[in-house]
Amino acid sequence: VGFELRGQERVLLVGDNGSGKTTLLKIITGEATPDSGEIKIGEKVRFGYFSQEHENLDPNKTVIDEFLSADRLITTKSTRAILGSFRFGEQNAFKKVSSLSLGERVRLIFAKLTHQENELLILDEPTNHLDIQSREIIEDALTDYKGAILVVSHDRYFLDKIGVNRIVKIENGMAKEKLV
């Protein structure tokens, strides 16, 4: 499988169940090792990864502390304003992560991912099991995001909303590309 991502491209990775989409994402992020071949990521490219498991939050921290613990955090506006745009207002910013719903956890992850120094976001089924409000917040954050996005998703509305401009289809161990 071979393909290249540059600039602000929005690329959808598709394939049948079991074709290796999630495995490929894990290889790109370094969570898995390829059987053969190599992954080349630009020397200074920083990326954020949203996995299907999204177990990278500390349940003992508050929302605001978890947000502030993100590596490479860049804030052009106040932390409270950023969290507010992800629906973590007055009281919710001080809730324990362990008490958050699935949708709230995903919103917190995206608050962090979209406010880090990332040139690339790698997203594995980011809208699964989310309510409409959480989906809309994530769509808005990704629409405003200035880097490249590599996403696995079956949600056509979401993909249209974030502006996917290329599709890479994994089939029989090969990658086939087409422009949208």
N, C-alpha and C. Protein backbone atom coordinates (compact mmCIF):
# COMPACT_ATOMS: atom_id res chain seq x y z
N VAL A 1 0.86 -1.17 0.00
CA VAL A 1 0.00 0.00 0.00
C VAL A 1 0.90 1.22 0.00
N GLY A 2 0.65 2.12 -0.89
CA GLY A 2 1.44 3.34 -0.94
C GLY A 2 0.58 4.52 -1.32
N PHE A 3 0.72 5.61 -0.57
CA PHE A 3 0.08 6.87 -0.93
C PHE A 3 0.78 7.98 -0.19
N GLU A 4 0.53 9.20 -0.62
CA GLU A 4 1.19 10.36 -0.04
C GLU A 4 0.14 11.38 0.36
N LEU A 5 0.40 12.06 1.45
CA LEU A 5 -0.49 13.10 1.97
C LEU A 5 0.32 14.37 2.10
N ARG A 6 -0.22 15.50 1.63
CA ARG A 6 0.51 16.76 1.71
C ARG A 6 -0.43 17.90 2.08
N GLY A 7 0.16 18.93 2.67
CA GLY A 7 -0.55 20.17 2.93
C GLY A 7 -1.82 20.02 3.73
N GLN A 8 -2.91 20.50 3.17
CA GLN A 8 -4.19 20.47 3.87
C GLN A 8 -5.16 19.48 3.24
N GLU A 9 -4.63 18.42 2.66
CA GLU A 9 -5.49 17.41 2.06
C GLU A 9 -6.37 16.74 3.10
N ARG A 10 -7.54 16.33 2.66
CA ARG A 10 -8.48 15.58 3.49
C ARG A 10 -8.71 14.26 2.77
N VAL A 11 -8.13 13.18 3.31
CA VAL A 11 -8.14 11.90 2.62
C VAL A 11 -8.95 10.87 3.40
N LEU A 12 -9.85 10.22 2.70
CA LEU A 12 -10.67 9.15 3.25
C LEU A 12 -10.02 7.81 2.91
N LEU A 13 -9.81 6.99 3.92
CA LEU A 13 -9.28 5.64 3.74
C LEU A 13 -10.44 4.67 3.85
N VAL A 14 -10.70 3.92 2.77
CA VAL A 14 -11.82 2.98 2.75
C VAL A 14 -11.34 1.59 2.40
N GLY A 15 -12.19 0.63 2.68
CA GLY A 15 -11.92 -0.77 2.36
C GLY A 15 -12.90 -1.64 3.12
N ASP A 16 -13.02 -2.87 2.68
CA ASP A 16 -13.91 -3.82 3.35
C ASP A 16 -13.44 -4.04 4.79
N ASN A 17 -14.37 -4.52 5.63
CA ASN A 17 -13.99 -4.91 6.99
C ASN A 17 -12.88 -5.94 6.90
N GLY A 18 -11.85 -5.76 7.71
CA GLY A 18 -10.73 -6.69 7.71
C GLY A 18 -9.68 -6.41 6.64
N SER A 19 -9.85 -5.33 5.87
CA SER A 19 -8.89 -5.02 4.81
C SER A 19 -7.60 -4.41 5.33
N GLY A 20 -7.61 -3.95 6.59
CA GLY A 20 -6.39 -3.43 7.18
C GLY A 20 -6.36 -1.93 7.40
N LYS A 21 -7.49 -1.27 7.35
CA LYS A 21 -7.52 0.18 7.53
C LYS A 21 -6.99 0.60 8.90
N THR A 22 -7.54 0.03 9.95
CA THR A 22 -7.11 0.38 11.31
C THR A 22 -5.67 -0.04 11.53
N THR A 23 -5.29 -1.20 11.02
CA THR A 23 -3.89 -1.65 11.15
C THR A 23 -2.96 -0.66 10.47
N LEU A 24 -3.32 -0.20 9.29
CA LEU A 24 -2.50 0.78 8.58
C LEU A 24 -2.36 2.06 9.40
N LEU A 25 -3.45 2.54 9.99
CA LEU A 25 -3.37 3.73 10.82
C LEU A 25 -2.44 3.51 12.01
N LYS A 26 -2.53 2.33 12.62
CA LYS A 26 -1.66 2.02 13.76
C LYS A 26 -0.20 1.92 13.34
N ILE A 27 0.06 1.45 12.14
CA ILE A 27 1.44 1.41 11.64
C ILE A 27 1.94 2.83 11.41
N ILE A 28 1.11 3.68 10.83
CA ILE A 28 1.51 5.07 10.58
C ILE A 28 1.84 5.77 11.89
N THR A 29 1.05 5.52 12.92
CA THR A 29 1.25 6.20 14.21
C THR A 29 2.31 5.55 15.08
N GLY A 30 2.82 4.39 14.66
CA GLY A 30 3.85 3.71 15.43
C GLY A 30 3.32 2.77 16.49
N GLU A 31 2.00 2.56 16.53
CA GLU A 31 1.41 1.63 17.49
C GLU A 31 1.53 0.18 17.04
N ALA A 32 1.85 -0.03 15.78
CA ALA A 32 2.04 -1.38 15.24
C ALA A 32 3.25 -1.33 14.31
N THR A 33 3.85 -2.49 14.09
CA THR A 33 5.02 -2.60 13.24
C THR A 33 4.62 -3.28 11.93
N PRO A 34 5.07 -2.75 10.81
CA PRO A 34 4.73 -3.39 9.53
C PRO A 34 5.47 -4.72 9.36
N ASP A 35 4.83 -5.65 8.68
CA ASP A 35 5.48 -6.92 8.36
C ASP A 35 6.64 -6.70 7.39
N SER A 36 6.46 -5.74 6.50
CA SER A 36 7.51 -5.37 5.55
C SER A 36 7.24 -3.95 5.08
N GLY A 37 8.19 -3.41 4.35
CA GLY A 37 8.04 -2.06 3.84
C GLY A 37 8.38 -1.01 4.88
N GLU A 38 8.04 0.22 4.58
CA GLU A 38 8.38 1.30 5.48
C GLU A 38 7.32 2.41 5.41
N ILE A 39 7.28 3.16 6.47
CA ILE A 39 6.41 4.34 6.55
C ILE A 39 7.34 5.54 6.59
N LYS A 40 7.10 6.50 5.74
CA LYS A 40 7.90 7.72 5.74
C LYS A 40 7.00 8.88 6.12
N ILE A 41 7.35 9.50 7.23
CA ILE A 41 6.63 10.69 7.67
C ILE A 41 7.65 11.81 7.68
N GLY A 42 7.26 12.96 7.17
CA GLY A 42 8.17 14.09 7.13
C GLY A 42 8.86 14.30 8.47
N GLU A 43 10.11 14.72 8.42
CA GLU A 43 10.95 14.82 9.61
C GLU A 43 10.33 15.67 10.71
N LYS A 44 9.67 16.74 10.35
CA LYS A 44 9.11 17.63 11.37
C LYS A 44 7.59 17.56 11.46
N VAL A 45 7.01 16.57 10.84
CA VAL A 45 5.55 16.45 10.86
C VAL A 45 5.10 15.89 12.20
N ARG A 46 4.21 16.63 12.84
CA ARG A 46 3.61 16.19 14.09
C ARG A 46 2.18 15.81 13.79
N PHE A 47 1.72 14.74 14.42
CA PHE A 47 0.36 14.29 14.14
C PHE A 47 -0.37 13.98 15.43
N GLY A 48 -1.69 14.05 15.34
CA GLY A 48 -2.57 13.63 16.42
C GLY A 48 -3.38 12.45 15.94
N TYR A 49 -3.68 11.54 16.85
CA TYR A 49 -4.36 10.29 16.48
C TYR A 49 -5.60 10.09 17.34
N PHE A 50 -6.72 9.88 16.68
CA PHE A 50 -7.95 9.52 17.35
C PHE A 50 -8.23 8.06 17.01
N SER A 51 -8.06 7.18 18.01
CA SER A 51 -8.29 5.76 17.77
C SER A 51 -9.72 5.40 18.14
N GLN A 52 -10.17 4.26 17.68
CA GLN A 52 -11.52 3.80 18.02
C GLN A 52 -11.68 3.60 19.52
N GLU A 53 -10.59 3.27 20.19
CA GLU A 53 -10.66 2.99 21.63
C GLU A 53 -10.66 4.26 22.46
N HIS A 54 -10.03 5.31 22.01
CA HIS A 54 -9.83 6.59 22.70
C HIS A 54 -9.70 6.46 24.21
N GLU A 55 -8.70 5.68 24.60
CA GLU A 55 -8.42 5.45 26.02
C GLU A 55 -7.25 6.30 26.52
N ASN A 56 -6.98 7.41 25.85
CA ASN A 56 -5.81 8.20 26.21
C ASN A 56 -6.12 9.38 27.14
N LEU A 57 -7.24 9.34 27.84
CA LEU A 57 -7.59 10.38 28.80
C LEU A 57 -7.34 9.88 30.22
N ASP A 58 -6.91 10.77 31.09
CA ASP A 58 -6.68 10.43 32.49
C ASP A 58 -7.98 10.61 33.26
N PRO A 59 -8.59 9.53 33.72
CA PRO A 59 -9.90 9.62 34.39
C PRO A 59 -9.86 10.40 35.70
N ASN A 60 -8.69 10.59 36.28
CA ASN A 60 -8.58 11.29 37.55
C ASN A 60 -8.46 12.81 37.42
N LYS A 61 -8.24 13.29 36.20
CA LYS A 61 -8.09 14.74 35.97
C LYS A 61 -9.45 15.37 35.71
N THR A 62 -9.50 16.69 35.88
CA THR A 62 -10.68 17.45 35.47
C THR A 62 -10.55 17.73 33.98
N VAL A 63 -11.64 18.15 33.36
CA VAL A 63 -11.63 18.47 31.93
C VAL A 63 -10.56 19.51 31.63
N ILE A 64 -10.52 20.57 32.40
CA ILE A 64 -9.56 21.65 32.13
C ILE A 64 -8.12 21.18 32.33
N ASP A 65 -7.88 20.38 33.36
CA ASP A 65 -6.52 19.85 33.58
C ASP A 65 -6.10 18.89 32.48
N GLU A 66 -7.04 18.06 32.02
CA GLU A 66 -6.74 17.13 30.93
C GLU A 66 -6.42 17.90 29.66
N PHE A 67 -7.18 18.94 29.36
CA PHE A 67 -6.93 19.76 28.17
C PHE A 67 -5.54 20.39 28.26
N LEU A 68 -5.23 20.97 29.41
CA LEU A 68 -3.95 21.66 29.58
C LEU A 68 -2.76 20.71 29.60
N SER A 69 -3.00 19.41 29.80
CA SER A 69 -1.91 18.43 29.82
C SER A 69 -1.49 17.99 28.41
N ALA A 70 -2.19 18.45 27.39
CA ALA A 70 -1.88 18.05 26.02
C ALA A 70 -0.48 18.53 25.62
N ASP A 71 0.27 17.65 24.96
CA ASP A 71 1.58 18.03 24.43
C ASP A 71 1.39 19.05 23.30
N ARG A 72 2.35 19.93 23.15
CA ARG A 72 2.39 20.87 22.02
C ARG A 72 1.13 21.73 21.91
N LEU A 73 0.51 22.06 23.02
CA LEU A 73 -0.73 22.83 23.03
C LEU A 73 -0.47 24.25 22.55
N ILE A 74 -1.28 24.70 21.61
CA ILE A 74 -1.22 26.10 21.18
C ILE A 74 -2.60 26.70 21.41
N THR A 75 -2.61 27.83 22.01
CA THR A 75 -3.89 28.48 22.27
C THR A 75 -3.83 29.92 21.79
N THR A 76 -4.70 30.24 20.86
CA THR A 76 -4.80 31.61 20.38
C THR A 76 -5.89 32.36 21.13
N LYS A 77 -6.66 31.64 21.91
CA LYS A 77 -7.65 32.25 22.78
C LYS A 77 -7.59 31.53 24.13
N SER A 78 -8.34 32.00 25.09
CA SER A 78 -8.24 31.44 26.44
C SER A 78 -8.70 29.98 26.47
N THR A 79 -8.13 29.27 27.42
CA THR A 79 -8.49 27.87 27.61
C THR A 79 -9.99 27.73 27.84
N ARG A 80 -10.55 28.59 28.65
CA ARG A 80 -11.99 28.52 28.95
C ARG A 80 -12.83 28.76 27.70
N ALA A 81 -12.39 29.66 26.83
CA ALA A 81 -13.12 29.91 25.58
C ALA A 81 -13.06 28.70 24.66
N ILE A 82 -11.88 28.09 24.58
CA ILE A 82 -11.73 26.88 23.75
C ILE A 82 -12.64 25.79 24.27
N LEU A 83 -12.57 25.51 25.57
CA LEU A 83 -13.41 24.46 26.16
C LEU A 83 -14.88 24.80 26.01
N GLY A 84 -15.23 26.06 26.13
CA GLY A 84 -16.63 26.48 25.93
C GLY A 84 -17.13 26.17 24.53
N SER A 85 -16.25 26.33 23.54
CA SER A 85 -16.66 26.03 22.15
C SER A 85 -16.89 24.54 21.94
N PHE A 86 -16.37 23.72 22.85
CA PHE A 86 -16.60 22.28 22.81
C PHE A 86 -17.64 21.86 23.86
N ARG A 87 -18.43 22.83 24.32
CA ARG A 87 -19.54 22.64 25.27
C ARG A 87 -19.08 22.22 26.67
N PHE A 88 -17.92 22.71 27.07
CA PHE A 88 -17.47 22.52 28.44
C PHE A 88 -17.48 23.88 29.11
N GLY A 89 -18.68 24.34 29.45
CA GLY A 89 -18.87 25.64 30.07
C GLY A 89 -18.48 25.64 31.53
N GLU A 90 -19.00 26.61 32.25
CA GLU A 90 -18.66 26.87 33.66
C GLU A 90 -18.47 25.61 34.50
N GLN A 91 -19.52 24.83 34.68
CA GLN A 91 -19.44 23.66 35.56
C GLN A 91 -18.71 22.49 34.91
N ASN A 92 -18.95 22.28 33.64
CA ASN A 92 -18.40 21.10 32.96
C ASN A 92 -16.88 21.12 32.84
N ALA A 93 -16.26 22.28 32.86
CA ALA A 93 -14.80 22.36 32.74
C ALA A 93 -14.10 21.76 33.96
N PHE A 94 -14.85 21.63 35.06
CA PHE A 94 -14.25 21.12 36.30
C PHE A 94 -14.76 19.72 36.66
N LYS A 95 -15.49 19.10 35.73
CA LYS A 95 -15.92 17.71 35.95
C LYS A 95 -14.73 16.79 35.82
N LYS A 96 -14.77 15.68 36.53
CA LYS A 96 -13.75 14.64 36.38
C LYS A 96 -13.96 13.94 35.04
N VAL A 97 -12.89 13.62 34.39
CA VAL A 97 -12.96 12.90 33.11
C VAL A 97 -13.72 11.58 33.30
N SER A 98 -13.55 10.95 34.43
CA SER A 98 -14.22 9.67 34.68
C SER A 98 -15.74 9.78 34.68
N SER A 99 -16.27 10.97 34.89
CA SER A 99 -17.73 11.14 34.92
C SER A 99 -18.30 11.58 33.58
N LEU A 100 -17.46 11.74 32.57
CA LEU A 100 -17.92 12.21 31.26
C LEU A 100 -18.59 11.10 30.47
N SER A 101 -19.57 11.49 29.68
CA SER A 101 -20.19 10.54 28.75
C SER A 101 -19.23 10.28 27.60
N LEU A 102 -19.55 9.31 26.76
CA LEU A 102 -18.72 9.01 25.60
C LEU A 102 -18.60 10.24 24.70
N GLY A 103 -19.71 10.89 24.42
CA GLY A 103 -19.68 12.09 23.57
C GLY A 103 -18.83 13.19 24.16
N GLU A 104 -18.91 13.39 25.47
CA GLU A 104 -18.10 14.41 26.13
C GLU A 104 -16.62 14.05 26.05
N ARG A 105 -16.29 12.79 26.20
CA ARG A 105 -14.89 12.37 26.10
C ARG A 105 -14.34 12.62 24.70
N VAL A 106 -15.14 12.29 23.70
CA VAL A 106 -14.71 12.51 22.32
C VAL A 106 -14.53 14.01 22.07
N ARG A 107 -15.44 14.83 22.56
CA ARG A 107 -15.31 16.29 22.39
C ARG A 107 -14.03 16.79 23.05
N LEU A 108 -13.69 16.26 24.23
CA LEU A 108 -12.47 16.66 24.91
C LEU A 108 -11.23 16.25 24.11
N ILE A 109 -11.24 15.06 23.57
CA ILE A 109 -10.13 14.60 22.74
C ILE A 109 -9.95 15.53 21.54
N PHE A 110 -11.05 15.91 20.90
CA PHE A 110 -10.95 16.79 19.73
C PHE A 110 -10.56 18.21 20.12
N ALA A 111 -10.94 18.66 21.30
CA ALA A 111 -10.47 19.97 21.77
C ALA A 111 -8.95 19.94 21.84
N LYS A 112 -8.41 18.85 22.36
CA LYS A 112 -6.96 18.71 22.46
C LYS A 112 -6.32 18.58 21.08
N LEU A 113 -6.81 17.67 20.26
CA LEU A 113 -6.20 17.41 18.96
C LEU A 113 -6.17 18.64 18.06
N THR A 114 -7.26 19.40 18.07
CA THR A 114 -7.34 20.55 17.16
C THR A 114 -6.65 21.80 17.71
N HIS A 115 -6.14 21.71 18.93
CA HIS A 115 -5.40 22.84 19.51
C HIS A 115 -3.96 22.47 19.85
N GLN A 116 -3.47 21.42 19.24
CA GLN A 116 -2.07 21.03 19.35
C GLN A 116 -1.36 21.43 18.06
N GLU A 117 -0.05 21.48 18.13
CA GLU A 117 0.75 21.74 16.93
C GLU A 117 0.80 20.46 16.11
N ASN A 118 -0.28 20.15 15.41
CA ASN A 118 -0.36 18.96 14.56
C ASN A 118 -0.52 19.41 13.12
N GLU A 119 0.29 18.85 12.25
CA GLU A 119 0.11 19.11 10.82
C GLU A 119 -0.79 18.06 10.19
N LEU A 120 -1.02 16.97 10.91
CA LEU A 120 -1.81 15.85 10.39
C LEU A 120 -2.66 15.28 11.52
N LEU A 121 -3.93 15.07 11.24
CA LEU A 121 -4.81 14.34 12.15
C LEU A 121 -5.15 13.00 11.51
N ILE A 122 -5.01 11.94 12.28
CA ILE A 122 -5.33 10.58 11.83
C ILE A 122 -6.53 10.14 12.66
N LEU A 123 -7.65 9.91 12.00
CA LEU A 123 -8.91 9.69 12.69
C LEU A 123 -9.53 8.35 12.29
N ASP A 124 -9.76 7.50 13.27
CA ASP A 124 -10.34 6.19 13.03
C ASP A 124 -11.78 6.17 13.57
N GLU A 125 -12.73 6.28 12.69
CA GLU A 125 -14.16 6.26 13.02
C GLU A 125 -14.51 7.28 14.12
N PRO A 126 -14.26 8.56 13.86
CA PRO A 126 -14.43 9.56 14.92
C PRO A 126 -15.87 9.85 15.32
N THR A 127 -16.84 9.53 14.49
CA THR A 127 -18.24 9.87 14.83
C THR A 127 -19.07 8.70 15.31
N ASN A 128 -18.47 7.53 15.43
CA ASN A 128 -19.23 6.36 15.91
C ASN A 128 -19.80 6.64 17.29
N HIS A 129 -21.06 6.30 17.48
CA HIS A 129 -21.73 6.34 18.78
C HIS A 129 -21.87 7.75 19.36
N LEU A 130 -21.87 8.78 18.54
CA LEU A 130 -21.99 10.14 19.05
C LEU A 130 -23.39 10.71 18.81
N ASP A 131 -23.82 11.58 19.72
CA ASP A 131 -25.08 12.29 19.53
C ASP A 131 -24.87 13.41 18.50
N ILE A 132 -25.96 13.96 18.02
CA ILE A 132 -25.89 14.97 16.96
C ILE A 132 -25.10 16.20 17.40
N GLN A 133 -25.31 16.65 18.62
CA GLN A 133 -24.60 17.83 19.12
C GLN A 133 -23.09 17.61 19.13
N SER A 134 -22.64 16.47 19.60
CA SER A 134 -21.20 16.18 19.63
C SER A 134 -20.64 16.09 18.22
N ARG A 135 -21.38 15.47 17.33
CA ARG A 135 -20.93 15.36 15.93
C ARG A 135 -20.76 16.74 15.32
N GLU A 136 -21.72 17.62 15.54
CA GLU A 136 -21.65 18.97 14.96
C GLU A 136 -20.46 19.75 15.49
N ILE A 137 -20.17 19.61 16.77
CA ILE A 137 -19.02 20.30 17.36
C ILE A 137 -17.72 19.80 16.73
N ILE A 138 -17.61 18.48 16.55
CA ILE A 138 -16.41 17.90 15.94
C ILE A 138 -16.30 18.32 14.48
N GLU A 139 -17.41 18.30 13.76
CA GLU A 139 -17.41 18.74 12.36
C GLU A 139 -16.91 20.18 12.25
N ASP A 140 -17.41 21.06 13.11
CA ASP A 140 -16.99 22.46 13.08
C ASP A 140 -15.50 22.60 13.37
N ALA A 141 -15.02 21.86 14.37
CA ALA A 141 -13.59 21.93 14.72
C ALA A 141 -12.72 21.46 13.57
N LEU A 142 -13.14 20.40 12.89
CA LEU A 142 -12.34 19.87 11.78
C LEU A 142 -12.45 20.73 10.53
N THR A 143 -13.57 21.38 10.34
CA THR A 143 -13.72 22.31 9.22
C THR A 143 -12.74 23.47 9.37
N ASP A 144 -12.52 23.92 10.60
CA ASP A 144 -11.60 25.02 10.88
C ASP A 144 -10.14 24.58 10.95
N TYR A 145 -9.88 23.29 11.07
CA TYR A 145 -8.53 22.76 11.21
C TYR A 145 -7.73 23.02 9.93
N LYS A 146 -6.50 23.49 10.07
CA LYS A 146 -5.68 23.90 8.92
C LYS A 146 -4.73 22.84 8.40
N GLY A 147 -4.60 21.70 9.04
CA GLY A 147 -3.66 20.68 8.60
C GLY A 147 -4.33 19.62 7.74
N ALA A 148 -3.59 18.56 7.45
CA ALA A 148 -4.09 17.43 6.67
C ALA A 148 -4.86 16.49 7.59
N ILE A 149 -5.80 15.76 7.00
CA ILE A 149 -6.60 14.77 7.74
C ILE A 149 -6.62 13.47 6.95
N LEU A 150 -6.32 12.38 7.65
CA LEU A 150 -6.48 11.02 7.12
C LEU A 150 -7.55 10.38 7.98
N VAL A 151 -8.67 9.99 7.39
CA VAL A 151 -9.81 9.54 8.18
C VAL A 151 -10.38 8.23 7.64
N VAL A 152 -10.79 7.36 8.58
CA VAL A 152 -11.59 6.18 8.27
C VAL A 152 -12.97 6.48 8.82
N SER A 153 -13.98 6.46 7.96
CA SER A 153 -15.35 6.74 8.40
C SER A 153 -16.32 6.25 7.33
N HIS A 154 -17.52 5.89 7.79
CA HIS A 154 -18.59 5.51 6.87
C HIS A 154 -19.68 6.57 6.85
N ASP A 155 -19.46 7.66 7.54
CA ASP A 155 -20.45 8.72 7.72
C ASP A 155 -20.33 9.74 6.59
N ARG A 156 -21.14 9.59 5.54
CA ARG A 156 -21.06 10.44 4.35
C ARG A 156 -21.28 11.92 4.67
N TYR A 157 -22.25 12.21 5.54
CA TYR A 157 -22.52 13.60 5.89
C TYR A 157 -21.28 14.23 6.54
N PHE A 158 -20.70 13.53 7.49
CA PHE A 158 -19.50 14.00 8.17
C PHE A 158 -18.37 14.24 7.16
N LEU A 159 -18.16 13.29 6.27
CA LEU A 159 -17.08 13.39 5.29
C LEU A 159 -17.29 14.58 4.35
N ASP A 160 -18.53 14.80 3.94
CA ASP A 160 -18.83 15.96 3.10
C ASP A 160 -18.59 17.26 3.88
N LYS A 161 -18.99 17.26 5.13
CA LYS A 161 -18.87 18.45 5.97
C LYS A 161 -17.41 18.85 6.18
N ILE A 162 -16.51 17.89 6.39
CA ILE A 162 -15.10 18.24 6.63
C ILE A 162 -14.31 18.42 5.33
N GLY A 163 -14.94 18.13 4.20
CA GLY A 163 -14.32 18.42 2.91
C GLY A 163 -13.30 17.42 2.42
N VAL A 164 -13.62 16.13 2.49
CA VAL A 164 -12.72 15.11 1.96
C VAL A 164 -12.54 15.35 0.46
N ASN A 165 -11.26 15.36 0.00
CA ASN A 165 -11.01 15.64 -1.41
C ASN A 165 -10.31 14.50 -2.15
N ARG A 166 -10.04 13.41 -1.42
CA ARG A 166 -9.42 12.26 -2.07
C ARG A 166 -9.80 11.00 -1.30
N ILE A 167 -9.90 9.90 -2.02
CA ILE A 167 -10.22 8.60 -1.41
C ILE A 167 -9.10 7.63 -1.75
N VAL A 168 -8.62 6.93 -0.73
CA VAL A 168 -7.66 5.84 -0.92
C VAL A 168 -8.39 4.57 -0.52
N LYS A 169 -8.57 3.67 -1.48
CA LYS A 169 -9.27 2.41 -1.22
C LYS A 169 -8.27 1.28 -1.11
N ILE A 170 -8.35 0.55 0.02
CA ILE A 170 -7.49 -0.62 0.24
C ILE A 170 -8.27 -1.83 -0.26
N GLU A 171 -7.66 -2.55 -1.20
CA GLU A 171 -8.33 -3.71 -1.77
C GLU A 171 -7.27 -4.72 -2.20
N ASN A 172 -7.38 -5.93 -1.67
CA ASN A 172 -6.42 -6.98 -1.99
C ASN A 172 -4.98 -6.55 -1.73
N GLY A 173 -4.77 -5.83 -0.65
CA GLY A 173 -3.42 -5.41 -0.27
C GLY A 173 -2.85 -4.29 -1.11
N MET A 174 -3.67 -3.66 -1.94
CA MET A 174 -3.22 -2.57 -2.79
C MET A 174 -4.03 -1.32 -2.47
N ALA A 175 -3.45 -0.17 -2.76
CA ALA A 175 -4.15 1.11 -2.57
C ALA A 175 -4.50 1.69 -3.93
N LYS A 176 -5.75 2.05 -4.09
CA LYS A 176 -6.21 2.71 -5.31
C LYS A 176 -6.74 4.08 -4.91
N GLU A 177 -6.31 5.12 -5.62
CA GLU A 177 -6.69 6.49 -5.27
C GLU A 177 -7.62 7.08 -6.29
N LYS A 178 -8.51 7.96 -5.77
CA LYS A 178 -9.33 8.75 -6.70
C LYS A 178 -9.67 10.07 -6.02
N LEU A 179 -9.80 11.10 -6.85
CA LEU A 179 -10.20 12.42 -6.35
C LEU A 179 -11.70 12.45 -6.18
N VAL A 180 -12.14 13.23 -5.23
CA VAL A 180 -13.59 13.35 -5.00
C VAL A 180 -14.12 14.52 -5.79
